């Protein structure tokens, strides 16, 4: 795993969004601007006060509860641990 350039503070989590399907069930390809943003993300770093999630977890996040940052071409999401809705088994 590559080193993450962000160190979240407190009970915050840094995650990367999973890719959404580029094609519909009927086989039509979707342009980037028509794709919905995935609510599933992979945790890449956690703050020292985060208790419920760990690095490597797949999580479901609330729709508007993230701060997004693009660093070195990678899009990261920063979210409060309390805004993580679930961990995917």
C-alpha atoms as a PDB file:
ATOM      1  CA  UNK A   1       0.000   0.000   0.000  1.00  0.00           C
ATOM      2  CA  UNK A   2       1.284   3.451  -0.836  1.00  0.00           C
ATOM      3  CA  UNK A   3       1.842   6.116   1.777  1.00  0.00           C
ATOM      4  CA  UNK A   4      -1.119   8.451   2.207  1.00  0.00           C
ATOM      5  CA  UNK A   5      -0.167  12.160   2.130  1.00  0.00           C
ATOM      6  CA  UNK A   6      -2.885  13.044   4.669  1.00  0.00           C
ATOM      7  CA  UNK A   7      -2.946  12.505   8.432  1.00  0.00           C
ATOM      8  CA  UNK A   8      -6.501  12.927   9.721  1.00  0.00           C
ATOM      9  CA  UNK A   9      -7.007  14.596  13.081  1.00  0.00           C
ATOM     10  CA  UNK A  10      -9.242  13.413  15.899  1.00  0.00           C
ATOM     11  CA  UNK A  11     -11.947  10.957  14.887  1.00  0.00           C
ATOM     12  CA  UNK A  12     -11.698  11.636  11.167  1.00  0.00           C
ATOM     13  CA  UNK A  13     -11.203   9.058   8.425  1.00  0.00           C
ATOM     14  CA  UNK A  14      -9.496   9.436   5.029  1.00  0.00           C
ATOM     15  CA  UNK A  15     -10.909   7.199   2.304  1.00  0.00           C
ATOM     16  CA  UNK A  16     -10.874   6.756  -1.462  1.00  0.00           C
ATOM     17  CA  UNK A  17     -14.153   6.341  -3.312  1.00  0.00           C
ATOM     18  CA  UNK A  18     -14.781   3.070  -5.150  1.00  0.00           C
ATOM     19  CA  UNK A  19     -15.329   3.297  -8.881  1.00  0.00           C
ATOM     20  CA  UNK A  20     -18.930   3.213 -10.101  1.00  0.00           C
ATOM     21  CA  UNK A  21     -20.076   1.163 -13.041  1.00  0.00           C
ATOM     22  CA  UNK A  22     -19.269   2.702 -16.405  1.00  0.00           C
ATOM     23  CA  UNK A  23     -22.026   0.746 -18.098  1.00  0.00           C
ATOM     24  CA  UNK A  24     -25.738   0.303 -17.401  1.00  0.00           C
ATOM     25  CA  UNK A  25     -27.438  -3.077 -17.058  1.00  0.00           C
ATOM     26  CA  UNK A  26     -28.664  -2.655 -20.645  1.00  0.00           C
ATOM     27  CA  UNK A  27     -25.080  -2.263 -21.870  1.00  0.00           C
ATOM     28  CA  UNK A  28     -25.027   1.502 -22.439  1.00  0.00           C
ATOM     29  CA  UNK A  29     -21.829   3.313 -21.488  1.00  0.00           C
ATOM     30  CA  UNK A  30     -22.222   6.304 -19.176  1.00  0.00           C
ATOM     31  CA  UNK A  31     -20.203   9.505 -19.561  1.00  0.00           C
ATOM     32  CA  UNK A  32     -18.324  10.608 -16.425  1.00  0.00           C
ATOM     33  CA  UNK A  33     -20.714  13.463 -15.686  1.00  0.00           C
ATOM     34  CA  UNK A  34     -23.729  11.091 -15.680  1.00  0.00           C
ATOM     35  CA  UNK A  35     -22.301   8.652 -13.142  1.00  0.00           C
ATOM     36  CA  UNK A  36     -23.468   8.804  -9.545  1.00  0.00           C
ATOM     37  CA  UNK A  37     -20.751   9.139  -6.941  1.00  0.00           C
ATOM     38  CA  UNK A  38     -20.327   5.905  -5.052  1.00  0.00           C
ATOM     39  CA  UNK A  39     -21.221   5.904  -1.386  1.00  0.00           C
ATOM     40  CA  UNK A  40     -18.774   3.045  -0.787  1.00  0.00           C
ATOM     41  CA  UNK A  41     -15.154   3.914  -0.025  1.00  0.00           C
ATOM     42  CA  UNK A  42     -11.981   2.241   1.223  1.00  0.00           C
ATOM     43  CA  UNK A  43     -10.363   3.590   4.402  1.00  0.00           C
ATOM     44  CA  UNK A  44      -6.715   4.550   3.797  1.00  0.00           C
ATOM     45  CA  UNK A  45      -5.952   6.450   7.049  1.00  0.00           C
ATOM     46  CA  UNK A  46      -7.605   7.110  10.411  1.00  0.00           C
ATOM     47  CA  UNK A  47      -7.184   9.720  13.120  1.00  0.00           C
ATOM     48  CA  UNK A  48      -5.965   8.786  16.590  1.00  0.00           C
ATOM     49  CA  UNK A  49      -9.471   9.026  18.090  1.00  0.00           C
ATOM     50  CA  UNK A  50     -11.208   6.798  15.497  1.00  0.00           C
ATOM     51  CA  UNK A  51     -12.545   3.702  17.250  1.00  0.00           C
ATOM     52  CA  UNK A  52     -15.016   1.935  14.951  1.00  0.00           C
ATOM     53  CA  UNK A  53     -13.126   1.676  11.640  1.00  0.00           C
ATOM     54  CA  UNK A  54      -9.642   0.610  10.633  1.00  0.00           C
ATOM     55  CA  UNK A  55      -7.421   1.037   7.590  1.00  0.00           C
ATOM     56  CA  UNK A  56      -8.546  -1.297   4.821  1.00  0.00           C
ATOM     57  CA  UNK A  57     -12.249  -1.316   5.794  1.00  0.00           C
ATOM     58  CA  UNK A  58     -14.860  -0.699   3.105  1.00  0.00           C
ATOM     59  CA  UNK A  59     -17.337   1.838   4.453  1.00  0.00           C
ATOM     60  CA  UNK A  60     -20.631   3.422   3.452  1.00  0.00           C
ATOM     61  CA  UNK A  61     -20.721   7.169   3.918  1.00  0.00           C
ATOM     62  CA  UNK A  62     -23.461   9.787   3.993  1.00  0.00           C
ATOM     63  CA  UNK A  63     -23.990  11.694   0.743  1.00  0.00           C
ATOM     64  CA  UNK A  64     -22.946  15.211   1.741  1.00  0.00           C
ATOM     65  CA  UNK A  65     -20.817  14.535   4.787  1.00  0.00           C
ATOM     66  CA  UNK A  66     -17.381  14.545   3.144  1.00  0.00           C
ATOM     67  CA  UNK A  67     -14.638  17.014   2.390  1.00  0.00           C
ATOM     68  CA  UNK A  68     -12.810  16.108  -0.799  1.00  0.00           C
ATOM     69  CA  UNK A  69      -9.168  16.789  -1.650  1.00  0.00           C
ATOM     70  CA  UNK A  70      -7.169  15.869  -4.738  1.00  0.00           C
ATOM     71  CA  UNK A  71      -3.481  15.342  -3.978  1.00  0.00           C
ATOM     72  CA  UNK A  72      -0.947  14.031  -6.496  1.00  0.00           C
ATOM     73  CA  UNK A  73      -3.782  13.009  -8.828  1.00  0.00           C
ATOM     74  CA  UNK A  74      -5.613  10.915  -6.199  1.00  0.00           C
ATOM     75  CA  UNK A  75      -9.004  11.992  -4.863  1.00  0.00           C
ATOM     76  CA  UNK A  76      -9.361  11.557  -1.106  1.00  0.00           C
ATOM     77  CA  UNK A  77     -12.413  12.045   1.078  1.00  0.00           C
ATOM     78  CA  UNK A  78     -12.168  13.200   4.672  1.00  0.00           C
ATOM     79  CA  UNK A  79     -15.152  12.270   6.802  1.00  0.00           C
ATOM     80  CA  UNK A  80     -15.934  12.342  10.520  1.00  0.00           C
ATOM     81  CA  UNK A  81     -16.142   8.842  11.918  1.00  0.00           C
ATOM     82  CA  UNK A  82     -19.661   9.606  13.187  1.00  0.00           C
ATOM     83  CA  UNK A  83     -20.725  10.150   9.543  1.00  0.00           C
ATOM     84  CA  UNK A  84     -19.683   6.626   8.552  1.00  0.00           C
ATOM     85  CA  UNK A  85     -22.979   4.772   8.250  1.00  0.00           C
ATOM     86  CA  UNK A  86     -21.692   1.181   8.053  1.00  0.00           C
ATOM     87  CA  UNK A  87     -18.719  -1.071   7.475  1.00  0.00           C
ATOM     88  CA  UNK A  88     -19.190  -3.465   4.553  1.00  0.00           C
ATOM     89  CA  UNK A  89     -18.608  -7.085   5.608  1.00  0.00           C
END
